[in-house]
Amino acid sequence: MNEKTINKIGWVASIMTIIMFSSYIDQIRLNLSGNPGSVILPIATMFNSSSWILYSVVKEKTDWPIFVCNLLGFILAILTAATALFVW
């Protein structure tokens, strides 16, 4: 497979990952409306996303599709955990 095709696959996978991480937006909404959810999954997502972010930047050539989708996942996971823990 050529590099251009592999890059396209990476971006498609990243878009699908962003869609998956977008589910945290609904949980944040629920947390803010007084129905806090568990913090276990968002905390696990923070560790997972930060590992992928680190991986993507320490490579010889930064893997932007992995970086972009996991940065969004990391941010949404922090917001989800924070609203579950600190909003009453």
PDB file of N, CA and C in Angstrom:
ATOM      1  N   MET A   1       0.852  -1.171   0.000  1.00  0.00           N
ATOM      2  CA  MET A   1       0.000   0.000   0.000  1.00  0.00           C
ATOM      3  C   MET A   1       0.903   1.241   0.000  1.00  0.00           C
ATOM      4  N   ASN A   2       0.515   2.245  -0.771  1.00  0.00           N
ATOM      5  CA  ASN A   2       1.355   3.441  -0.818  1.00  0.00           C
ATOM      6  C   ASN A   2       1.062   4.371   0.365  1.00  0.00           C
ATOM      7  N   GLU A   3       1.963   5.297   0.588  1.00  0.00           N
ATOM      8  CA  GLU A   3       1.893   6.204   1.743  1.00  0.00           C
ATOM      9  C   GLU A   3       0.639   7.078   1.713  1.00  0.00           C
ATOM     10  N   LYS A   4       0.219   7.503   0.527  1.00  0.00           N
ATOM     11  CA  LYS A   4      -0.966   8.359   0.405  1.00  0.00           C
ATOM     12  C   LYS A   4      -2.218   7.614   0.865  1.00  0.00           C
ATOM     13  N   THR A   5      -2.356   6.370   0.491  1.00  0.00           N
ATOM     14  CA  THR A   5      -3.498   5.559   0.900  1.00  0.00           C
ATOM     15  C   THR A   5      -3.487   5.318   2.408  1.00  0.00           C
ATOM     16  N   ILE A   6      -2.327   5.014   2.944  1.00  0.00           N
ATOM     17  CA  ILE A   6      -2.188   4.795   4.380  1.00  0.00           C
ATOM     18  C   ILE A   6      -2.564   6.058   5.143  1.00  0.00           C
ATOM     19  N   ASN A   7      -2.137   7.206   4.656  1.00  0.00           N
ATOM     20  CA  ASN A   7      -2.475   8.476   5.301  1.00  0.00           C
ATOM     21  C   ASN A   7      -3.987   8.716   5.291  1.00  0.00           C
ATOM     22  N   LYS A   8      -4.652   8.404   4.179  1.00  0.00           N
ATOM     23  CA  LYS A   8      -6.111   8.560   4.102  1.00  0.00           C
ATOM     24  C   LYS A   8      -6.802   7.643   5.098  1.00  0.00           C
ATOM     25  N   ILE A   9      -6.332   6.412   5.215  1.00  0.00           N
ATOM     26  CA  ILE A   9      -6.902   5.475   6.188  1.00  0.00           C
ATOM     27  C   ILE A   9      -6.739   6.045   7.601  1.00  0.00           C
ATOM     28  N   GLY A  10      -5.590   6.632   7.878  1.00  0.00           N
ATOM     29  CA  GLY A  10      -5.339   7.223   9.189  1.00  0.00           C
ATOM     30  C   GLY A  10      -6.319   8.343   9.505  1.00  0.00           C
ATOM     31  N   TRP A  11      -6.576   9.200   8.531  1.00  0.00           N
ATOM     32  CA  TRP A  11      -7.513  10.297   8.765  1.00  0.00           C
ATOM     33  C   TRP A  11      -8.947   9.805   8.917  1.00  0.00           C
ATOM     34  N   VAL A  12      -9.350   8.792   8.148  1.00  0.00           N
ATOM     35  CA  VAL A  12     -10.691   8.226   8.297  1.00  0.00           C
ATOM     36  C   VAL A  12     -10.846   7.613   9.690  1.00  0.00           C
ATOM     37  N   ALA A  13      -9.848   6.867  10.128  1.00  0.00           N
ATOM     38  CA  ALA A  13      -9.884   6.278  11.469  1.00  0.00           C
ATOM     39  C   ALA A  13      -9.932   7.368  12.538  1.00  0.00           C
ATOM     40  N   SER A  14      -9.225   8.457  12.312  1.00  0.00           N
ATOM     41  CA  SER A  14      -9.236   9.564  13.270  1.00  0.00           C
ATOM     42  C   SER A  14     -10.598  10.220  13.350  1.00  0.00           C
ATOM     43  N   ILE A  15     -11.258  10.387  12.230  1.00  0.00           N
ATOM     44  CA  ILE A  15     -12.597  10.966  12.216  1.00  0.00           C
ATOM     45  C   ILE A  15     -13.567  10.062  12.978  1.00  0.00           C
ATOM     46  N   MET A  16     -13.451   8.756  12.780  1.00  0.00           N
ATOM     47  CA  MET A  16     -14.306   7.818  13.511  1.00  0.00           C
ATOM     48  C   MET A  16     -14.020   7.881  15.011  1.00  0.00           C
ATOM     49  N   THR A  17     -12.764   8.074  15.384  1.00  0.00           N
ATOM     50  CA  THR A  17     -12.408   8.197  16.794  1.00  0.00           C
ATOM     51  C   THR A  17     -12.975   9.480  17.381  1.00  0.00           C
ATOM     52  N   ILE A  18     -12.934  10.562  16.627  1.00  0.00           N
ATOM     53  CA  ILE A  18     -13.518  11.830  17.086  1.00  0.00           C
ATOM     54  C   ILE A  18     -15.020  11.661  17.317  1.00  0.00           C
ATOM     55  N   ILE A  19     -15.694  10.950  16.420  1.00  0.00           N
ATOM     56  CA  ILE A  19     -17.121  10.688  16.599  1.00  0.00           C
ATOM     57  C   ILE A  19     -17.349   9.904  17.891  1.00  0.00           C
ATOM     58  N   MET A  20     -16.495   8.924  18.158  1.00  0.00           N
ATOM     59  CA  MET A  20     -16.612   8.145  19.389  1.00  0.00           C
ATOM     60  C   MET A  20     -16.414   9.031  20.617  1.00  0.00           C
ATOM     61  N   PHE A  21     -15.373   9.873  20.595  1.00  0.00           N
ATOM     62  CA  PHE A  21     -15.109  10.740  21.737  1.00  0.00           C
ATOM     63  C   PHE A  21     -16.198  11.796  21.920  1.00  0.00           C
ATOM     64  N   SER A  22     -16.934  12.111  20.864  1.00  0.00           N
ATOM     65  CA  SER A  22     -18.004  13.104  20.958  1.00  0.00           C
ATOM     66  C   SER A  22     -19.118  12.656  21.898  1.00  0.00           C
ATOM     67  N   SER A  23     -19.194  11.368  22.177  1.00  0.00           N
ATOM     68  CA  SER A  23     -20.218  10.888  23.112  1.00  0.00           C
ATOM     69  C   SER A  23     -20.008  11.478  24.503  1.00  0.00           C
ATOM     70  N   TYR A  24     -18.800  11.927  24.803  1.00  0.00           N
ATOM     71  CA  TYR A  24     -18.552  12.564  26.094  1.00  0.00           C
ATOM     72  C   TYR A  24     -19.307  13.884  26.228  1.00  0.00           C
ATOM     73  N   ILE A  25     -19.619  14.522  25.136  1.00  0.00           N
ATOM     74  CA  ILE A  25     -20.338  15.795  25.188  1.00  0.00           C
ATOM     75  C   ILE A  25     -21.698  15.601  25.861  1.00  0.00           C
ATOM     76  N   ASP A  26     -22.390  14.509  25.529  1.00  0.00           N
ATOM     77  CA  ASP A  26     -23.675  14.238  26.160  1.00  0.00           C
ATOM     78  C   ASP A  26     -23.497  13.952  27.651  1.00  0.00           C
ATOM     79  N   GLN A  27     -22.438  13.245  28.019  1.00  0.00           N
ATOM     80  CA  GLN A  27     -22.207  12.973  29.435  1.00  0.00           C
ATOM     81  C   GLN A  27     -21.878  14.252  30.194  1.00  0.00           C
ATOM     82  N   ILE A  28     -21.140  15.152  29.574  1.00  0.00           N
ATOM     83  CA  ILE A  28     -20.860  16.452  30.205  1.00  0.00           C
ATOM     84  C   ILE A  28     -22.166  17.194  30.447  1.00  0.00           C
ATOM     85  N   ARG A  29     -23.054  17.177  29.455  1.00  0.00           N
ATOM     86  CA  ARG A  29     -24.367  17.812  29.591  1.00  0.00           C
ATOM     87  C   ARG A  29     -25.129  17.204  30.761  1.00  0.00           C
ATOM     88  N   LEU A  30     -25.123  15.880  30.871  1.00  0.00           N
ATOM     89  CA  LEU A  30     -25.808  15.218  31.983  1.00  0.00           C
ATOM     90  C   LEU A  30     -25.169  15.580  33.320  1.00  0.00           C
ATOM     91  N   ASN A  31     -23.845  15.614  33.354  1.00  0.00           N
ATOM     92  CA  ASN A  31     -23.147  15.993  34.588  1.00  0.00           C
ATOM     93  C   ASN A  31     -23.551  17.391  35.030  1.00  0.00           C
ATOM     94  N   LEU A  32     -23.585  18.307  34.086  1.00  0.00           N
ATOM     95  CA  LEU A  32     -23.917  19.701  34.410  1.00  0.00           C
ATOM     96  C   LEU A  32     -25.378  19.872  34.819  1.00  0.00           C
ATOM     97  N   SER A  33     -26.242  18.945  34.383  1.00  0.00           N
ATOM     98  CA  SER A  33     -27.663  19.044  34.756  1.00  0.00           C
ATOM     99  C   SER A  33     -27.966  18.304  36.057  1.00  0.00           C
ATOM    100  N   GLY A  34     -26.923  17.840  36.743  1.00  0.00           N
ATOM    101  CA  GLY A  34     -27.120  17.218  38.047  1.00  0.00           C
ATOM    102  C   GLY A  34     -27.189  15.708  38.039  1.00  0.00           C
ATOM    103  N   ASN A  35     -26.869  15.077  36.922  1.00  0.00           N
ATOM    104  CA  ASN A  35     -26.871  13.619  36.813  1.00  0.00           C
ATOM    105  C   ASN A  35     -25.457  13.115  36.532  1.00  0.00           C
ATOM    106  N   PRO A  36     -24.555  13.242  37.502  1.00  0.00           N
ATOM    107  CA  PRO A  36     -23.160  12.880  37.240  1.00  0.00           C
ATOM    108  C   PRO A  36     -22.984  11.392  36.963  1.00  0.00           C
ATOM    109  N   GLY A  37     -22.114  11.107  36.024  1.00  0.00           N
ATOM    110  CA  GLY A  37     -21.799   9.727  35.684  1.00  0.00           C
ATOM    111  C   GLY A  37     -20.503   9.300  36.347  1.00  0.00           C
ATOM    112  N   SER A  38     -20.086   8.102  36.038  1.00  0.00           N
ATOM    113  CA  SER A  38     -18.847   7.552  36.571  1.00  0.00           C
ATOM    114  C   SER A  38     -17.640   8.281  35.976  1.00  0.00           C
ATOM    115  N   VAL A  39     -16.574   8.350  36.750  1.00  0.00           N
ATOM    116  CA  VAL A  39     -15.344   8.978  36.252  1.00  0.00           C
ATOM    117  C   VAL A  39     -14.331   7.931  35.771  1.00  0.00           C
ATOM    118  N   ILE A  40     -14.664   6.650  35.900  1.00  0.00           N
ATOM    119  CA  ILE A  40     -13.706   5.602  35.538  1.00  0.00           C
ATOM    120  C   ILE A  40     -13.362   5.649  34.055  1.00  0.00           C
ATOM    121  N   LEU A  41     -14.345   5.665  33.182  1.00  0.00           N
ATOM    122  CA  LEU A  41     -14.073   5.678  31.744  1.00  0.00           C
ATOM    123  C   LEU A  41     -13.350   6.951  31.304  1.00  0.00           C
ATOM    124  N   PRO A  42     -13.770   8.153  31.742  1.00  0.00           N
ATOM    125  CA  PRO A  42     -13.027   9.343  31.327  1.00  0.00           C
ATOM    126  C   PRO A  42     -11.571   9.334  31.805  1.00  0.00           C
ATOM    127  N   ILE A  43     -11.335   8.824  33.006  1.00  0.00           N
ATOM    128  CA  ILE A  43      -9.950   8.769  33.490  1.00  0.00           C
ATOM    129  C   ILE A  43      -9.137   7.774  32.668  1.00  0.00           C
ATOM    130  N   ALA A  44      -9.732   6.628  32.349  1.00  0.00           N
ATOM    131  CA  ALA A  44      -9.047   5.657  31.492  1.00  0.00           C
ATOM    132  C   ALA A  44      -8.767   6.261  30.115  1.00  0.00           C
ATOM    133  N   THR A  45      -9.732   7.026  29.597  1.00  0.00           N
ATOM    134  CA  THR A  45      -9.556   7.688  28.305  1.00  0.00           C
ATOM    135  C   THR A  45      -8.430   8.717  28.365  1.00  0.00           C
ATOM    136  N   MET A  46      -8.312   9.433  29.475  1.00  0.00           N
ATOM    137  CA  MET A  46      -7.226  10.414  29.618  1.00  0.00           C
ATOM    138  C   MET A  46      -5.873   9.721  29.529  1.00  0.00           C
ATOM    139  N   PHE A  47      -5.706   8.605  30.233  1.00  0.00           N
ATOM    140  CA  PHE A  47      -4.437   7.877  30.179  1.00  0.00           C
ATOM    141  C   PHE A  47      -4.183   7.298  28.792  1.00  0.00           C
ATOM    142  N   ASN A  48      -5.211   6.723  28.190  1.00  0.00           N
ATOM    143  CA  ASN A  48      -5.069   6.148  26.858  1.00  0.00           C
ATOM    144  C   ASN A  48      -4.715   7.221  25.828  1.00  0.00           C
ATOM    145  N   SER A  49      -5.465   8.314  25.840  1.00  0.00           N
ATOM    146  CA  SER A  49      -5.222   9.384  24.873  1.00  0.00           C
ATOM    147  C   SER A  49      -3.847  10.016  25.064  1.00  0.00           C
ATOM    148  N   SER A  50      -3.450  10.222  26.313  1.00  0.00           N
ATOM    149  CA  SER A  50      -2.131  10.827  26.535  1.00  0.00           C
ATOM    150  C   SER A  50      -1.019   9.903  26.053  1.00  0.00           C
ATOM    151  N   SER A  51      -1.212   8.601  26.176  1.00  0.00           N
ATOM    152  CA  SER A  51      -0.212   7.655  25.651  1.00  0.00           C
ATOM    153  C   SER A  51      -0.112   7.751  24.133  1.00  0.00           C
ATOM    154  N   TRP A  52      -1.267   7.827  23.469  1.00  0.00           N
ATOM    155  CA  TRP A  52      -1.260   7.946  22.010  1.00  0.00           C
ATOM    156  C   TRP A  52      -0.694   9.291  21.551  1.00  0.00           C
ATOM    157  N   ILE A  53      -0.980  10.353  22.303  1.00  0.00           N
ATOM    158  CA  ILE A  53      -0.418  11.662  21.969  1.00  0.00           C
ATOM    159  C   ILE A  53       1.106  11.606  22.057  1.00  0.00           C
ATOM    160  N   LEU A  54       1.610  11.038  23.142  1.00  0.00           N
ATOM    161  CA  LEU A  54       3.062  10.903  23.306  1.00  0.00           C
ATOM    162  C   LEU A  54       3.655  10.084  22.167  1.00  0.00           C
ATOM    163  N   TYR A  55       3.033   8.974  21.852  1.00  0.00           N
ATOM    164  CA  TYR A  55       3.498   8.128  20.750  1.00  0.00           C
ATOM    165  C   TYR A  55       3.560   8.911  19.440  1.00  0.00           C
ATOM    166  N   SER A  56       2.513   9.689  19.176  1.00  0.00           N
ATOM    167  CA  SER A  56       2.448  10.390  17.893  1.00  0.00           C
ATOM    168  C   SER A  56       3.512  11.468  17.756  1.00  0.00           C
ATOM    169  N   VAL A  57       3.928  12.077  18.872  1.00  0.00           N
ATOM    170  CA  VAL A  57       4.912  13.159  18.766  1.00  0.00           C
ATOM    171  C   VAL A  57       6.358  12.688  18.881  1.00  0.00           C
ATOM    172  N   VAL A  58       6.591  11.521  19.473  1.00  0.00           N
ATOM    173  CA  VAL A  58       7.979  11.060  19.586  1.00  0.00           C
ATOM    174  C   VAL A  58       8.433  10.289  18.358  1.00  0.00           C
ATOM    175  N   LYS A  59       7.518   9.972  17.474  1.00  0.00           N
ATOM    176  CA  LYS A  59       7.906   9.319  16.222  1.00  0.00           C
ATOM    177  C   LYS A  59       8.792  10.272  15.418  1.00  0.00           C
ATOM    178  N   GLU A  60       9.567   9.701  14.539  1.00  0.00           N
ATOM    179  CA  GLU A  60      10.443  10.527  13.706  1.00  0.00           C
ATOM    180  C   GLU A  60       9.641  11.572  12.941  1.00  0.00           C
ATOM    181  N   LYS A  61       8.493  11.162  12.414  1.00  0.00           N
ATOM    182  CA  LYS A  61       7.588  12.089  11.718  1.00  0.00           C
ATOM    183  C   LYS A  61       6.266  12.067  12.493  1.00  0.00           C
ATOM    184  N   THR A  62       5.853  13.215  13.020  1.00  0.00           N
ATOM    185  CA  THR A  62       4.648  13.283  13.836  1.00  0.00           C
ATOM    186  C   THR A  62       3.462  12.675  13.102  1.00  0.00           C
ATOM    187  N   ASP A  63       2.735  11.818  13.791  1.00  0.00           N
ATOM    188  CA  ASP A  63       1.563  11.161  13.227  1.00  0.00           C
ATOM    189  C   ASP A  63       0.339  12.012  13.552  1.00  0.00           C
ATOM    190  N   TRP A  64       0.031  12.969  12.674  1.00  0.00           N
ATOM    191  CA  TRP A  64      -1.006  13.958  12.932  1.00  0.00           C
ATOM    192  C   TRP A  64      -2.401  13.380  13.119  1.00  0.00           C
ATOM    193  N   PRO A  65      -2.827  12.373  12.332  1.00  0.00           N
ATOM    194  CA  PRO A  65      -4.168  11.832  12.576  1.00  0.00           C
ATOM    195  C   PRO A  65      -4.328  11.293  14.001  1.00  0.00           C
ATOM    196  N   ILE A  66      -3.332  10.591  14.489  1.00  0.00           N
ATOM    197  CA  ILE A  66      -3.381  10.059  15.854  1.00  0.00           C
ATOM    198  C   ILE A  66      -3.350  11.195  16.864  1.00  0.00           C
ATOM    199  N   PHE A  67      -2.519  12.184  16.632  1.00  0.00           N
ATOM    200  CA  PHE A  67      -2.405  13.312  17.555  1.00  0.00           C
ATOM    201  C   PHE A  67      -3.720  14.068  17.679  1.00  0.00           C
ATOM    202  N   VAL A  68      -4.311  14.423  16.541  1.00  0.00           N
ATOM    203  CA  VAL A  68      -5.515  15.262  16.531  1.00  0.00           C
ATOM    204  C   VAL A  68      -6.677  14.591  17.254  1.00  0.00           C
ATOM    205  N   CYS A  69      -6.966  13.353  16.901  1.00  0.00           N
ATOM    206  CA  CYS A  69      -8.145  12.725  17.511  1.00  0.00           C
ATOM    207  C   CYS A  69      -7.933  12.450  18.996  1.00  0.00           C
ATOM    208  N   ASN A  70      -6.725  12.113  19.396  1.00  0.00           N
ATOM    209  CA  ASN A  70      -6.493  11.832  20.807  1.00  0.00           C
ATOM    210  C   ASN A  70      -6.378  13.095  21.649  1.00  0.00           C
ATOM    211  N   LEU A  71      -5.958  14.198  21.054  1.00  0.00           N
ATOM    212  CA  LEU A  71      -5.977  15.460  21.790  1.00  0.00           C
ATOM    213  C   LEU A  71      -7.412  15.833  22.134  1.00  0.00           C
ATOM    214  N   LEU A  72      -8.309  15.689  21.166  1.00  0.00           N
ATOM    215  CA  LEU A  72      -9.720  15.956  21.429  1.00  0.00           C
ATOM    216  C   LEU A  72     -10.250  15.006  22.499  1.00  0.00           C
ATOM    217  N   GLY A  73      -9.912  13.734  22.404  1.00  0.00           N
ATOM    218  CA  GLY A  73     -10.349  12.764  23.398  1.00  0.00           C
ATOM    219  C   GLY A  73      -9.850  13.101  24.783  1.00  0.00           C
ATOM    220  N   PHE A  74      -8.597  13.542  24.880  1.00  0.00           N
ATOM    221  CA  PHE A  74      -8.009  13.910  26.164  1.00  0.00           C
ATOM    222  C   PHE A  74      -8.750  15.098  26.773  1.00  0.00           C
ATOM    223  N   ILE A  75      -9.011  16.108  25.968  1.00  0.00           N
ATOM    224  CA  ILE A  75      -9.696  17.311  26.450  1.00  0.00           C
ATOM    225  C   ILE A  75     -11.119  16.979  26.908  1.00  0.00           C
ATOM    226  N   LEU A  76     -11.849  16.225  26.093  1.00  0.00           N
ATOM    227  CA  LEU A  76     -13.222  15.875  26.466  1.00  0.00           C
ATOM    228  C   LEU A  76     -13.256  14.966  27.695  1.00  0.00           C
ATOM    229  N   ALA A  77     -12.279  14.088  27.837  1.00  0.00           N
ATOM    230  CA  ALA A  77     -12.223  13.210  29.008  1.00  0.00           C
ATOM    231  C   ALA A  77     -11.965  14.021  30.280  1.00  0.00           C
ATOM    232  N   ILE A  78     -11.073  15.011  30.199  1.00  0.00           N
ATOM    233  CA  ILE A  78     -10.820  15.871  31.359  1.00  0.00           C
ATOM    234  C   ILE A  78     -12.095  16.618  31.745  1.00  0.00           C
ATOM    235  N   LEU A  79     -12.771  17.189  30.758  1.00  0.00           N
ATOM    236  CA  LEU A  79     -14.011  17.925  31.039  1.00  0.00           C
ATOM    237  C   LEU A  79     -15.089  17.013  31.624  1.00  0.00           C
ATOM    238  N   THR A  80     -15.183  15.795  31.100  1.00  0.00           N
ATOM    239  CA  THR A  80     -16.186  14.851  31.597  1.00  0.00           C
ATOM    240  C   THR A  80     -15.901  14.461  33.040  1.00  0.00           C
ATOM    241  N   ALA A  81     -14.649  14.126  33.323  1.00  0.00           N
ATOM    242  CA  ALA A  81     -14.283  13.745  34.695  1.00  0.00           C
ATOM    243  C   ALA A  81     -14.474  14.912  35.653  1.00  0.00           C
ATOM    244  N   ALA A  82     -14.064  16.094  35.231  1.00  0.00           N
ATOM    245  CA  ALA A  82     -14.177  17.275  36.104  1.00  0.00           C
ATOM    246  C   ALA A  82     -15.631  17.599  36.397  1.00  0.00           C
ATOM    247  N   THR A  83     -16.484  17.543  35.384  1.00  0.00           N
ATOM    248  CA  THR A  83     -17.897  17.870  35.638  1.00  0.00           C
ATOM    249  C   THR A  83     -18.562  16.791  36.470  1.00  0.00           C
ATOM    250  N   ALA A  84     -18.137  15.552  36.343  1.00  0.00           N
ATOM    251  CA  ALA A  84     -18.712  14.481  37.173  1.00  0.00           C
ATOM    252  C   ALA A  84     -18.278  14.618  38.632  1.00  0.00           C
ATOM    253  N   LEU A  85     -17.064  15.089  38.833  1.00  0.00           N
ATOM    254  CA  LEU A  85     -16.537  15.179  40.198  1.00  0.00           C
ATOM    255  C   LEU A  85     -16.902  16.467  40.909  1.00  0.00           C
ATOM    256  N   PHE A  86     -16.958  17.579  40.178  1.00  0.00           N
ATOM    257  CA  PHE A  86     -17.018  18.882  40.832  1.00  0.00           C
ATOM    258  C   PHE A  86     -18.304  19.659  40.630  1.00  0.00           C
ATOM    259  N   VAL A  87     -19.261  19.090  39.916  1.00  0.00           N
ATOM    260  CA  VAL A  87     -20.541  19.782  39.714  1.00  0.00           C
ATOM    261  C   VAL A  87     -21.609  19.017  40.491  1.00  0.00           C
ATOM    262  N   TRP A  88     -22.313  19.748  41.350  1.00  0.00           N
ATOM    263  CA  TRP A  88     -23.337  19.089  42.154  1.00  0.00           C
ATOM    264  C   TRP A  88     -24.680  19.545  41.736  1.00  0.00           C
TER     265      TRP A  88
END
